[in-house]
């Protein structure tokens, strides 16, 4: 799950100023042939799989369709397979869809040291994937931690990423203090979920994956009753509570089984290193303080997502969002949808993605 800072209950203008004083952070979220067979429609464009050598490591990338490139980046705890519905939709619409198992996840390179998970490392992986596949530029789409790093990619390499779609994570530029320090300064050090996750050895919280993955899919979604859904600053409503169901009704059982198997194999250290590396990324990017993303952009979020409600307790206006994304085309607030937009509202997200892509083509 992602982790930027906003004061619950504050107007977005004041809450966002608090966010902008910190660096942004994200994070909920391997491709297995069995999973591909389970969800691939016989009439869909064929799925292709790659093992790419990038920055000294081996990365797993899946690809579908032909045309202008669209690169999908997942969050924690997830893999490239989370994007299968979106990949198929954009491939059928005439685009070349690619999704990468991000560093530390699935079948991709997973160094144990958190210092190897800064924004500079992750953006380097994304650029390396384009280089390996001889792609000059791409639209970049990210969810959760993937959205956070997609935003960094848009900032660092506008020559390679010419448009941005952020899902579940609004953009907040680097400010004066890193997010974890900001949250502690605001008295949330014992309440905010991620400040527990960054402690040494907290990988044990997620074992076994057969219990933690269904729980993380269920509680942050819109499936639980409103008063029981995940709240990022209420430990009693944490996302690691045992889930009452094996999988939420919106989750493809094959996707859930795949994700469980992936984390049984990889463990959770790589994913938690994204949280641990956040202050390091902050220290490496002073030149990007208050930086503006100037590419055409789209922001999609679920109204029942506890994380988004923490970032902006009230729906932000386009004027507010465009302060740091002046070419934001629109924001899409999805009612009765939680954190897992790409699954809970797959068709609606697919429609918004294709509409955004077609708008770029028309422009």
Foldseek 3Di string as FASTA:
>chain_A
DWDFFFAFPDALVVRLVLRQQAATTFAAAEDDVVLCVVPPDPPFFDKDWDFDCFPNWTWIKIKGADDAEEEEEEGHPAYQSLCPLLRRLVRVVHYIYMYIGFELFFPIPDDLDLQCQALVNRLSRVVRVCVRVVHFAHAYEYATRGLSSQLVNLVPCCRHHQEYEYEADADHWHRNYHRQVSCVVVVQCVFAPLNVLLDPPNLVLCPPVQFLLQLQQPQQKLQDDLVQHAARRHPVNHSNDGDPDSHPPLDDPSRSVVSSVRCNVSGCSRRSSSSNCRRVNSVVPPVGNLAAREHEYEYEYEPSGNSVCRSHVDDDDPVVSCVRYVNHPYYHYHYSTGRSCCRVVVVVVSVVVSVSVVVVVVD
